[in-house]
PDB file of N, CA and C in Angstrom:
ATOM      1  N   UNK A   1      52.299  88.018  60.583  1.00  0.00           N
ATOM      2  CA  UNK A   1      53.156  87.531  61.626  1.00  0.00           C
ATOM      3  C   UNK A   1      52.476  86.329  62.248  1.00  0.00           C
ATOM      4  N   UNK A   2      53.253  85.248  62.316  1.00  0.00           N
ATOM      5  CA  UNK A   2      52.788  83.989  62.916  1.00  0.00           C
ATOM      6  C   UNK A   2      53.100  84.011  64.481  1.00  0.00           C
ATOM      7  N   UNK A   3      52.228  83.367  65.208  1.00  0.00           N
ATOM      8  CA  UNK A   3      52.418  83.157  66.592  1.00  0.00           C
ATOM      9  C   UNK A   3      53.178  81.875  66.896  1.00  0.00           C
ATOM     10  N   UNK A   4      54.135  81.959  67.757  1.00  0.00           N
ATOM     11  CA  UNK A   4      54.933  80.799  68.160  1.00  0.00           C
ATOM     12  C   UNK A   4      54.904  80.698  69.701  1.00  0.00           C
ATOM     13  N   UNK A   5      54.457  79.531  70.176  1.00  0.00           N
ATOM     14  CA  UNK A   5      54.296  79.357  71.578  1.00  0.00           C
ATOM     15  C   UNK A   5      55.140  78.083  71.972  1.00  0.00           C
ATOM     16  N   UNK A   6      55.702  78.099  73.234  1.00  0.00           N
ATOM     17  CA  UNK A   6      56.452  76.935  73.732  1.00  0.00           C
ATOM     18  C   UNK A   6      55.533  76.162  74.659  1.00  0.00           C
ATOM     19  N   UNK A   7      55.595  74.797  74.605  1.00  0.00           N
ATOM     20  CA  UNK A   7      55.099  73.959  75.637  1.00  0.00           C
ATOM     21  C   UNK A   7      55.932  74.226  76.903  1.00  0.00           C
ATOM     22  N   UNK A   8      55.394  74.071  78.140  1.00  0.00           N
ATOM     23  CA  UNK A   8      56.193  74.333  79.317  1.00  0.00           C
ATOM     24  C   UNK A   8      57.452  73.526  79.411  1.00  0.00           C
ATOM     25  N   UNK A   9      57.429  72.263  78.964  1.00  0.00           N
ATOM     26  CA  UNK A   9      58.586  71.416  79.018  1.00  0.00           C
ATOM     27  C   UNK A   9      59.743  71.898  78.055  1.00  0.00           C
ATOM     28  N   UNK A  10      59.310  72.353  76.915  1.00  0.00           N
ATOM     29  CA  UNK A  10      60.233  72.891  75.927  1.00  0.00           C
ATOM     30  C   UNK A  10      60.790  74.228  76.368  1.00  0.00           C
ATOM     31  N   UNK A  11      60.067  74.978  77.026  1.00  0.00           N
ATOM     32  CA  UNK A  11      60.457  76.318  77.579  1.00  0.00           C
ATOM     33  C   UNK A  11      61.565  76.024  78.624  1.00  0.00           C
ATOM     34  N   UNK A  12      61.319  75.059  79.478  1.00  0.00           N
ATOM     35  CA  UNK A  12      62.290  74.705  80.531  1.00  0.00           C
ATOM     36  C   UNK A  12      63.608  74.191  79.863  1.00  0.00           C
ATOM     37  N   UNK A  13      63.465  73.392  78.762  1.00  0.00           N
ATOM     38  CA  UNK A  13      64.681  72.907  78.058  1.00  0.00           C
ATOM     39  C   UNK A  13      65.417  74.082  77.435  1.00  0.00           C
ATOM     40  N   UNK A  14      64.745  75.015  76.863  1.00  0.00           N
ATOM     41  CA  UNK A  14      65.394  76.096  76.291  1.00  0.00           C
ATOM     42  C   UNK A  14      66.097  76.968  77.376  1.00  0.00           C
ATOM     43  N   UNK A  15      65.383  77.199  78.452  1.00  0.00           N
ATOM     44  CA  UNK A  15      65.991  78.013  79.517  1.00  0.00           C
ATOM     45  C   UNK A  15      67.278  77.390  80.186  1.00  0.00           C
ATOM     46  N   UNK A  16      67.405  76.092  80.039  1.00  0.00           N
ATOM     47  CA  UNK A  16      68.639  75.399  80.555  1.00  0.00           C
ATOM     48  C   UNK A  16      69.850  75.571  79.684  1.00  0.00           C
ATOM     49  N   UNK A  17      69.678  76.057  78.554  1.00  0.00           N
ATOM     50  CA  UNK A  17      70.768  76.174  77.538  1.00  0.00           C
ATOM     51  C   UNK A  17      71.638  77.440  77.887  1.00  0.00           C
ATOM     52  N   UNK A  18      72.887  77.467  77.436  1.00  0.00           N
ATOM     53  CA  UNK A  18      73.658  78.670  77.518  1.00  0.00           C
ATOM     54  C   UNK A  18      73.038  79.890  76.810  1.00  0.00           C
ATOM     55  N   UNK A  19      73.319  81.018  77.355  1.00  0.00           N
ATOM     56  CA  UNK A  19      72.756  82.241  76.840  1.00  0.00           C
ATOM     57  C   UNK A  19      72.917  82.447  75.297  1.00  0.00           C
ATOM     58  N   UNK A  20      74.120  82.157  74.795  1.00  0.00           N
ATOM     59  CA  UNK A  20      74.383  82.295  73.351  1.00  0.00           C
ATOM     60  C   UNK A  20      73.509  81.380  72.523  1.00  0.00           C
ATOM     61  N   UNK A  21      73.171  80.222  73.031  1.00  0.00           N
ATOM     62  CA  UNK A  21      72.326  79.288  72.237  1.00  0.00           C
ATOM     63  C   UNK A  21      70.909  79.693  72.377  1.00  0.00           C
ATOM     64  N   UNK A  22      70.496  80.292  73.470  1.00  0.00           N
ATOM     65  CA  UNK A  22      69.130  80.792  73.612  1.00  0.00           C
ATOM     66  C   UNK A  22      68.953  81.935  72.606  1.00  0.00           C
ATOM     67  N   UNK A  23      69.917  82.756  72.427  1.00  0.00           N
ATOM     68  CA  UNK A  23      69.832  83.883  71.510  1.00  0.00           C
ATOM     69  C   UNK A  23      69.731  83.347  70.074  1.00  0.00           C
ATOM     70  N   UNK A  24      70.456  82.329  69.723  1.00  0.00           N
ATOM     71  CA  UNK A  24      70.417  81.772  68.312  1.00  0.00           C
ATOM     72  C   UNK A  24      69.044  81.160  68.135  1.00  0.00           C
ATOM     73  N   UNK A  25      68.468  80.521  69.093  1.00  0.00           N
ATOM     74  CA  UNK A  25      67.149  79.936  68.993  1.00  0.00           C
ATOM     75  C   UNK A  25      66.085  81.082  68.815  1.00  0.00           C
ATOM     76  N   UNK A  26      66.253  82.170  69.619  1.00  0.00           N
ATOM     77  CA  UNK A  26      65.337  83.257  69.461  1.00  0.00           C
ATOM     78  C   UNK A  26      65.327  83.837  67.998  1.00  0.00           C
ATOM     79  N   UNK A  27      66.524  83.926  67.483  1.00  0.00           N
ATOM     80  CA  UNK A  27      66.617  84.438  66.071  1.00  0.00           C
ATOM     81  C   UNK A  27      65.846  83.526  65.088  1.00  0.00           C
ATOM     82  N   UNK A  28      66.021  82.211  65.282  1.00  0.00           N
ATOM     83  CA  UNK A  28      65.313  81.280  64.443  1.00  0.00           C
ATOM     84  C   UNK A  28      63.797  81.373  64.646  1.00  0.00           C
ATOM     85  N   UNK A  29      63.391  81.573  65.914  1.00  0.00           N
ATOM     86  CA  UNK A  29      61.901  81.734  66.173  1.00  0.00           C
ATOM     87  C   UNK A  29      61.441  82.952  65.458  1.00  0.00           C
ATOM     88  N   UNK A  30      62.164  84.073  65.460  1.00  0.00           N
ATOM     89  CA  UNK A  30      61.818  85.288  64.753  1.00  0.00           C
ATOM     90  C   UNK A  30      61.563  85.026  63.268  1.00  0.00           C
ATOM     91  N   UNK A  31      62.450  84.245  62.680  1.00  0.00           N
ATOM     92  CA  UNK A  31      62.305  83.908  61.271  1.00  0.00           C
ATOM     93  C   UNK A  31      61.062  83.100  61.013  1.00  0.00           C
ATOM     94  N   UNK A  32      60.761  82.151  61.972  1.00  0.00           N
ATOM     95  CA  UNK A  32      59.501  81.368  61.811  1.00  0.00           C
ATOM     96  C   UNK A  32      58.215  82.292  61.993  1.00  0.00           C
ATOM     97  N   UNK A  33      58.340  83.189  62.921  1.00  0.00           N
ATOM     98  CA  UNK A  33      57.254  84.188  63.097  1.00  0.00           C
ATOM     99  C   UNK A  33      56.987  84.986  61.810  1.00  0.00           C
ATOM    100  N   UNK A  34      58.075  85.371  61.138  1.00  0.00           N
ATOM    101  CA  UNK A  34      57.955  86.181  59.933  1.00  0.00           C
ATOM    102  C   UNK A  34      57.519  85.448  58.719  1.00  0.00           C
ATOM    103  N   UNK A  35      58.009  84.217  58.538  1.00  0.00           N
ATOM    104  CA  UNK A  35      57.748  83.446  57.328  1.00  0.00           C
ATOM    105  C   UNK A  35      56.798  82.318  57.490  1.00  0.00           C
ATOM    106  N   UNK A  36      56.565  81.826  58.677  1.00  0.00           N
ATOM    107  CA  UNK A  36      55.639  80.730  58.916  1.00  0.00           C
ATOM    108  C   UNK A  36      56.087  79.528  58.129  1.00  0.00           C
ATOM    109  N   UNK A  37      55.030  78.865  57.522  1.00  0.00           N
ATOM    110  CA  UNK A  37      55.435  77.557  56.801  1.00  0.00           C
ATOM    111  C   UNK A  37      56.282  77.792  55.601  1.00  0.00           C
ATOM    112  N   UNK A  38      56.498  79.029  55.119  1.00  0.00           N
ATOM    113  CA  UNK A  38      57.399  79.323  54.035  1.00  0.00           C
ATOM    114  C   UNK A  38      58.888  79.385  54.388  1.00  0.00           C
ATOM    115  N   UNK A  39      59.160  79.168  55.707  1.00  0.00           N
ATOM    116  CA  UNK A  39      60.604  79.253  56.136  1.00  0.00           C
ATOM    117  C   UNK A  39      61.372  78.095  55.484  1.00  0.00           C
ATOM    118  N   UNK A  40      62.342  78.455  54.638  1.00  0.00           N
ATOM    119  CA  UNK A  40      63.024  77.453  53.832  1.00  0.00           C
ATOM    120  C   UNK A  40      64.192  76.775  54.560  1.00  0.00           C
ATOM    121  N   UNK A  41      64.654  75.714  53.966  1.00  0.00           N
ATOM    122  CA  UNK A  41      65.935  75.045  54.338  1.00  0.00           C
ATOM    123  C   UNK A  41      67.009  76.081  54.039  1.00  0.00           C
ATOM    124  N   UNK A  42      67.991  76.313  54.793  1.00  0.00           N
ATOM    125  CA  UNK A  42      68.447  75.499  55.932  1.00  0.00           C
ATOM    126  C   UNK A  42      68.006  75.928  57.298  1.00  0.00           C
ATOM    127  N   UNK A  43      66.946  76.814  57.306  1.00  0.00           N
ATOM    128  CA  UNK A  43      66.400  77.315  58.591  1.00  0.00           C
ATOM    129  C   UNK A  43      65.383  76.410  59.221  1.00  0.00           C
ATOM    130  N   UNK A  44      64.796  75.565  58.401  1.00  0.00           N
ATOM    131  CA  UNK A  44      63.767  74.600  58.906  1.00  0.00           C
ATOM    132  C   UNK A  44      63.909  73.348  58.044  1.00  0.00           C
ATOM    133  N   UNK A  45      63.559  72.216  58.676  1.00  0.00           N
ATOM    134  CA  UNK A  45      63.646  70.962  57.885  1.00  0.00           C
ATOM    135  C   UNK A  45      62.671  69.975  58.606  1.00  0.00           C
ATOM    136  N   UNK A  46      62.331  68.862  57.894  1.00  0.00           N
ATOM    137  CA  UNK A  46      61.568  67.767  58.533  1.00  0.00           C
ATOM    138  C   UNK A  46      62.433  67.256  59.692  1.00  0.00           C
ATOM    139  N   UNK A  47      61.805  66.904  60.785  1.00  0.00           N
ATOM    140  CA  UNK A  47      62.516  66.285  61.886  1.00  0.00           C
ATOM    141  C   UNK A  47      62.502  64.762  61.674  1.00  0.00           C
ATOM    142  N   UNK A  48      63.624  64.220  61.321  1.00  0.00           N
ATOM    143  CA  UNK A  48      63.660  62.788  61.150  1.00  0.00           C
ATOM    144  C   UNK A  48      63.235  62.021  62.358  1.00  0.00           C
ATOM    145  N   UNK A  49      62.410  60.997  62.186  1.00  0.00           N
ATOM    146  CA  UNK A  49      61.973  60.148  63.252  1.00  0.00           C
ATOM    147  C   UNK A  49      60.735  60.748  63.993  1.00  0.00           C
ATOM    148  N   UNK A  50      60.264  61.913  63.552  1.00  0.00           N
ATOM    149  CA  UNK A  50      59.123  62.465  64.248  1.00  0.00           C
ATOM    150  C   UNK A  50      57.872  62.359  63.251  1.00  0.00           C
ATOM    151  N   UNK A  51      56.791  61.905  63.761  1.00  0.00           N
ATOM    152  CA  UNK A  51      55.605  61.880  63.005  1.00  0.00           C
ATOM    153  C   UNK A  51      54.879  63.247  62.823  1.00  0.00           C
ATOM    154  N   UNK A  52      55.203  64.176  63.761  1.00  0.00           N
ATOM    155  CA  UNK A  52      54.544  65.363  63.796  1.00  0.00           C
ATOM    156  C   UNK A  52      55.297  66.701  63.609  1.00  0.00           C
ATOM    157  N   UNK A  53      56.572  66.583  63.809  1.00  0.00           N
ATOM    158  CA  UNK A  53      57.383  67.817  63.954  1.00  0.00           C
ATOM    159  C   UNK A  53      58.335  68.132  62.790  1.00  0.00           C
ATOM    160  N   UNK A  54      58.598  69.424  62.756  1.00  0.00           N
ATOM    161  CA  UNK A  54      59.697  69.919  61.937  1.00  0.00           C
ATOM    162  C   UNK A  54      60.740  70.415  62.904  1.00  0.00           C
ATOM    163  N   UNK A  55      61.955  70.730  62.404  1.00  0.00           N
ATOM    164  CA  UNK A  55      62.961  71.241  63.315  1.00  0.00           C
ATOM    165  C   UNK A  55      63.418  72.595  62.752  1.00  0.00           C
ATOM    166  N   UNK A  56      63.558  73.541  63.744  1.00  0.00           N
ATOM    167  CA  UNK A  56      64.190  74.776  63.399  1.00  0.00           C
ATOM    168  C   UNK A  56      65.659  74.561  63.385  1.00  0.00           C
ATOM    169  N   UNK A  57      66.416  75.172  62.516  1.00  0.00           N
ATOM    170  CA  UNK A  57      67.862  75.054  62.487  1.00  0.00           C
ATOM    171  C   UNK A  57      68.592  76.341  62.695  1.00  0.00           C
ATOM    172  N   UNK A  58      68.762  76.711  63.983  1.00  0.00           N
ATOM    173  CA  UNK A  58      69.445  78.028  64.264  1.00  0.00           C
ATOM    174  C   UNK A  58      70.782  78.107  63.655  1.00  0.00           C
ATOM    175  N   UNK A  59      71.114  79.236  63.266  1.00  0.00           N
ATOM    176  CA  UNK A  59      72.411  79.525  62.620  1.00  0.00           C
ATOM    177  C   UNK A  59      72.513  78.709  61.354  1.00  0.00           C
ATOM    178  N   UNK A  60      71.374  78.554  60.663  1.00  0.00           N
ATOM    179  CA  UNK A  60      71.300  77.745  59.419  1.00  0.00           C
ATOM    180  C   UNK A  60      71.886  76.312  59.587  1.00  0.00           C
ATOM    181  N   UNK A  61      71.723  75.748  60.751  1.00  0.00           N
ATOM    182  CA  UNK A  61      72.142  74.395  61.016  1.00  0.00           C
ATOM    183  C   UNK A  61      73.467  74.279  61.642  1.00  0.00           C
ATOM    184  N   UNK A  62      74.066  75.435  62.017  1.00  0.00           N
ATOM    185  CA  UNK A  62      75.433  75.384  62.747  1.00  0.00           C
ATOM    186  C   UNK A  62      75.306  75.535  64.219  1.00  0.00           C
ATOM    187  N   UNK A  63      74.047  75.377  64.710  1.00  0.00           N
ATOM    188  CA  UNK A  63      73.801  75.422  66.206  1.00  0.00           C
ATOM    189  C   UNK A  63      73.649  73.950  66.656  1.00  0.00           C
ATOM    190  N   UNK A  64      74.057  73.615  67.884  1.00  0.00           N
ATOM    191  CA  UNK A  64      73.975  72.162  68.343  1.00  0.00           C
ATOM    192  C   UNK A  64      72.577  71.866  68.855  1.00  0.00           C
ATOM    193  N   UNK A  65      71.600  72.735  68.709  1.00  0.00           N
ATOM    194  CA  UNK A  65      70.219  72.559  69.330  1.00  0.00           C
ATOM    195  C   UNK A  65      69.228  72.776  68.198  1.00  0.00           C
ATOM    196  N   UNK A  66      68.110  72.014  68.290  1.00  0.00           N
ATOM    197  CA  UNK A  66      67.039  72.092  67.329  1.00  0.00           C
ATOM    198  C   UNK A  66      65.693  72.218  68.075  1.00  0.00           C
ATOM    199  N   UNK A  67      65.067  73.347  68.012  1.00  0.00           N
ATOM    200  CA  UNK A  67      63.628  73.352  68.485  1.00  0.00           C
ATOM    201  C   UNK A  67      62.759  72.540  67.590  1.00  0.00           C
ATOM    202  N   UNK A  68      62.006  71.641  68.116  1.00  0.00           N
ATOM    203  CA  UNK A  68      61.070  70.804  67.343  1.00  0.00           C
ATOM    204  C   UNK A  68      59.705  71.428  67.472  1.00  0.00           C
ATOM    205  N   UNK A  69      59.012  71.627  66.338  1.00  0.00           N
ATOM    206  CA  UNK A  69      57.765  72.383  66.349  1.00  0.00           C
ATOM    207  C   UNK A  69      56.756  71.752  65.384  1.00  0.00           C
ATOM    208  N   UNK A  70      55.481  72.107  65.632  1.00  0.00           N
ATOM    209  CA  UNK A  70      54.416  71.665  64.784  1.00  0.00           C
ATOM    210  C   UNK A  70      53.390  72.811  64.577  1.00  0.00           C
ATOM    211  N   UNK A  71      52.785  72.838  63.484  1.00  0.00           N
ATOM    212  CA  UNK A  71      51.710  73.834  63.281  1.00  0.00           C
ATOM    213  C   UNK A  71      50.465  73.385  63.982  1.00  0.00           C
ATOM    214  N   UNK A  72      49.814  74.294  64.624  1.00  0.00           N
ATOM    215  CA  UNK A  72      48.511  74.115  65.315  1.00  0.00           C
ATOM    216  C   UNK A  72      47.618  75.285  64.915  1.00  0.00           C
ATOM    217  N   UNK A  73      46.862  75.058  63.833  1.00  0.00           N
ATOM    218  CA  UNK A  73      45.954  76.128  63.318  1.00  0.00           C
ATOM    219  C   UNK A  73      46.809  77.267  62.816  1.00  0.00           C
ATOM    220  N   UNK A  74      46.636  78.465  63.355  1.00  0.00           N
ATOM    221  CA  UNK A  74      47.382  79.576  62.832  1.00  0.00           C
ATOM    222  C   UNK A  74      48.631  79.918  63.688  1.00  0.00           C
ATOM    223  N   UNK A  75      49.105  78.933  64.460  1.00  0.00           N
ATOM    224  CA  UNK A  75      50.244  79.202  65.229  1.00  0.00           C
ATOM    225  C   UNK A  75      51.167  77.947  65.155  1.00  0.00           C
ATOM    226  N   UNK A  76      52.381  78.090  65.747  1.00  0.00           N
ATOM    227  CA  UNK A  76      53.300  77.039  65.829  1.00  0.00           C
ATOM    228  C   UNK A  76      53.545  76.798  67.259  1.00  0.00           C
ATOM    229  N   UNK A  77      53.793  75.513  67.620  1.00  0.00           N
ATOM    230  CA  UNK A  77      54.014  75.081  68.972  1.00  0.00           C
ATOM    231  C   UNK A  77      55.382  74.453  69.081  1.00  0.00           C
ATOM    232  N   UNK A  78      56.313  74.999  69.906  1.00  0.00           N
ATOM    233  CA  UNK A  78      57.583  74.342  70.053  1.00  0.00           C
ATOM    234  C   UNK A  78      57.348  73.328  71.201  1.00  0.00           C
ATOM    235  N   UNK A  79      57.576  72.038  70.804  1.00  0.00           N
ATOM    236  CA  UNK A  79      57.274  70.916  71.745  1.00  0.00           C
ATOM    237  C   UNK A  79      58.540  70.414  72.488  1.00  0.00           C
ATOM    238  N   UNK A  80      59.747  70.635  71.956  1.00  0.00           N
ATOM    239  CA  UNK A  80      60.923  70.078  72.588  1.00  0.00           C
ATOM    240  C   UNK A  80      62.151  70.893  72.006  1.00  0.00           C
ATOM    241  N   UNK A  81      63.217  70.758  72.747  1.00  0.00           N
ATOM    242  CA  UNK A  81      64.479  71.352  72.286  1.00  0.00           C
ATOM    243  C   UNK A  81      65.401  70.111  72.215  1.00  0.00           C
ATOM    244  N   UNK A  82      65.813  69.720  70.977  1.00  0.00           N
ATOM    245  CA  UNK A  82      66.614  68.517  70.768  1.00  0.00           C
ATOM    246  C   UNK A  82      68.049  68.918  70.451  1.00  0.00           C
ATOM    247  N   UNK A  83      68.989  67.941  70.885  1.00  0.00           N
ATOM    248  CA  UNK A  83      70.354  68.190  70.299  1.00  0.00           C
ATOM    249  C   UNK A  83      70.360  67.845  68.812  1.00  0.00           C
ATOM    250  N   UNK A  84      71.331  68.420  68.096  1.00  0.00           N
ATOM    251  CA  UNK A  84      71.494  68.107  66.665  1.00  0.00           C
ATOM    252  C   UNK A  84      71.673  66.666  66.436  1.00  0.00           C
ATOM    253  N   UNK A  85      70.812  66.101  65.509  1.00  0.00           N
ATOM    254  CA  UNK A  85      70.820  64.702  65.206  1.00  0.00           C
ATOM    255  C   UNK A  85      72.098  64.207  64.601  1.00  0.00           C
ATOM    256  N   UNK A  86      72.804  65.079  63.978  1.00  0.00           N
ATOM    257  CA  UNK A  86      74.084  64.597  63.293  1.00  0.00           C
ATOM    258  C   UNK A  86      75.178  64.269  64.251  1.00  0.00           C
ATOM    259  N   UNK A  87      75.195  65.004  65.397  1.00  0.00           N
ATOM    260  CA  UNK A  87      76.180  64.781  66.429  1.00  0.00           C
ATOM    261  C   UNK A  87      75.723  63.999  67.584  1.00  0.00           C
ATOM    262  N   UNK A  88      74.391  63.943  67.823  1.00  0.00           N
ATOM    263  CA  UNK A  88      73.819  63.185  68.915  1.00  0.00           C
ATOM    264  C   UNK A  88      72.513  62.542  68.449  1.00  0.00           C
ATOM    265  N   UNK A  89      72.574  61.508  67.617  1.00  0.00           N
ATOM    266  CA  UNK A  89      71.409  60.877  67.068  1.00  0.00           C
ATOM    267  C   UNK A  89      70.454  60.306  68.082  1.00  0.00           C
ATOM    268  N   UNK A  90      70.977  59.692  69.167  1.00  0.00           N
ATOM    269  CA  UNK A  90      70.144  59.184  70.173  1.00  0.00           C
ATOM    270  C   UNK A  90      69.408  60.252  71.001  1.00  0.00           C
ATOM    271  N   UNK A  91      70.065  61.302  71.284  1.00  0.00           N
ATOM    272  CA  UNK A  91      69.432  62.443  71.957  1.00  0.00           C
ATOM    273  C   UNK A  91      68.377  63.047  71.129  1.00  0.00           C
ATOM    274  N   UNK A  92      68.614  63.162  69.813  1.00  0.00           N
ATOM    275  CA  UNK A  92      67.620  63.710  68.910  1.00  0.00           C
ATOM    276  C   UNK A  92      66.468  62.786  68.889  1.00  0.00           C
ATOM    277  N   UNK A  93      66.633  61.498  68.681  1.00  0.00           N
ATOM    278  CA  UNK A  93      65.504  60.530  68.633  1.00  0.00           C
ATOM    279  C   UNK A  93      64.677  60.596  69.911  1.00  0.00           C
ATOM    280  N   UNK A  94      65.364  60.692  71.054  1.00  0.00           N
ATOM    281  CA  UNK A  94      64.643  60.805  72.354  1.00  0.00           C
ATOM    282  C   UNK A  94      63.800  62.039  72.399  1.00  0.00           C
ATOM    283  N   UNK A  95      64.378  63.142  71.989  1.00  0.00           N
ATOM    284  CA  UNK A  95      63.601  64.382  72.017  1.00  0.00           C
ATOM    285  C   UNK A  95      62.473  64.430  70.974  1.00  0.00           C
ATOM    286  N   UNK A  96      62.678  63.773  69.878  1.00  0.00           N
ATOM    287  CA  UNK A  96      61.632  63.676  68.886  1.00  0.00           C
ATOM    288  C   UNK A  96      60.462  62.872  69.392  1.00  0.00           C
ATOM    289  N   UNK A  97      60.731  61.768  70.071  1.00  0.00           N
ATOM    290  CA  UNK A  97      59.735  60.996  70.731  1.00  0.00           C
ATOM    291  C   UNK A  97      58.948  61.792  71.734  1.00  0.00           C
ATOM    292  N   UNK A  98      59.687  62.478  72.540  1.00  0.00           N
ATOM    293  CA  UNK A  98      59.028  63.351  73.672  1.00  0.00           C
ATOM    294  C   UNK A  98      58.188  64.368  72.966  1.00  0.00           C
ATOM    295  N   UNK A  99      58.707  65.071  71.924  1.00  0.00           N
ATOM    296  CA  UNK A  99      57.888  66.085  71.292  1.00  0.00           C
ATOM    297  C   UNK A  99      56.586  65.522  70.747  1.00  0.00           C
ATOM    298  N   UNK A 100      56.644  64.369  70.129  1.00  0.00           N
ATOM    299  CA  UNK A 100      55.430  63.738  69.592  1.00  0.00           C
ATOM    300  C   UNK A 100      54.455  63.408  70.705  1.00  0.00           C
ATOM    301  N   UNK A 101      54.940  62.870  71.845  1.00  0.00           N
ATOM    302  CA  UNK A 101      54.083  62.585  72.975  1.00  0.00           C
ATOM    303  C   UNK A 101      53.446  63.782  73.534  1.00  0.00           C
ATOM    304  N   UNK A 102      54.269  64.844  73.640  1.00  0.00           N
ATOM    305  CA  UNK A 102      53.702  66.149  74.201  1.00  0.00           C
ATOM    306  C   UNK A 102      52.579  66.698  73.348  1.00  0.00           C
ATOM    307  N   UNK A 103      52.837  66.608  72.041  1.00  0.00           N
ATOM    308  CA  UNK A 103      51.831  67.111  71.101  1.00  0.00           C
ATOM    309  C   UNK A 103      50.561  66.260  71.163  1.00  0.00           C
ATOM    310  N   UNK A 104      50.730  64.972  71.228  1.00  0.00           N
ATOM    311  CA  UNK A 104      49.560  64.124  71.361  1.00  0.00           C
ATOM    312  C   UNK A 104      48.758  64.416  72.564  1.00  0.00           C
ATOM    313  N   UNK A 105      49.361  64.700  73.743  1.00  0.00           N
ATOM    314  CA  UNK A 105      48.683  65.079  74.915  1.00  0.00           C
ATOM    315  C   UNK A 105      47.962  66.389  74.748  1.00  0.00           C
ATOM    316  N   UNK A 106      48.654  67.292  74.086  1.00  0.00           N
ATOM    317  CA  UNK A 106      47.964  68.567  73.864  1.00  0.00           C
ATOM    318  C   UNK A 106      46.735  68.462  72.988  1.00  0.00           C
ATOM    319  N   UNK A 107      46.754  67.605  71.981  1.00  0.00           N
ATOM    320  CA  UNK A 107      45.640  67.364  71.105  1.00  0.00           C
ATOM    321  C   UNK A 107      44.520  66.644  71.807  1.00  0.00           C
ATOM    322  N   UNK A 108      44.882  65.778  72.762  1.00  0.00           N
ATOM    323  CA  UNK A 108      43.821  65.081  73.534  1.00  0.00           C
ATOM    324  C   UNK A 108      43.141  65.875  74.552  1.00  0.00           C
ATOM    325  N   UNK A 109      43.770  67.065  74.870  1.00  0.00           N
ATOM    326  CA  UNK A 109      43.220  68.045  75.790  1.00  0.00           C
ATOM    327  C   UNK A 109      43.511  67.764  77.144  1.00  0.00           C
TER     328      UNK A 109
END
């Protein structure tokens, strides 16, 4: 079983979502916990525009939100919650940049 942790900013972004979307995200997190880096498409994919992240795809991509995550040793860190890039490319790009910045700060200590 893999450990998945949220950065505080990502946790706040998740908590601001409607309950049904939080449930969908939690199911995707459970799949990541079970399969780790072996989680296949359509449940996980490279996050376009991010140097560091992958995206979880709740409901196999039919959810309007994408948790952006990176592996940190034997765990995964959720760095941001992004809108789906297909319907909101600017929002996704903004969230990807924020996720990369947050992870860089985490690495710098």
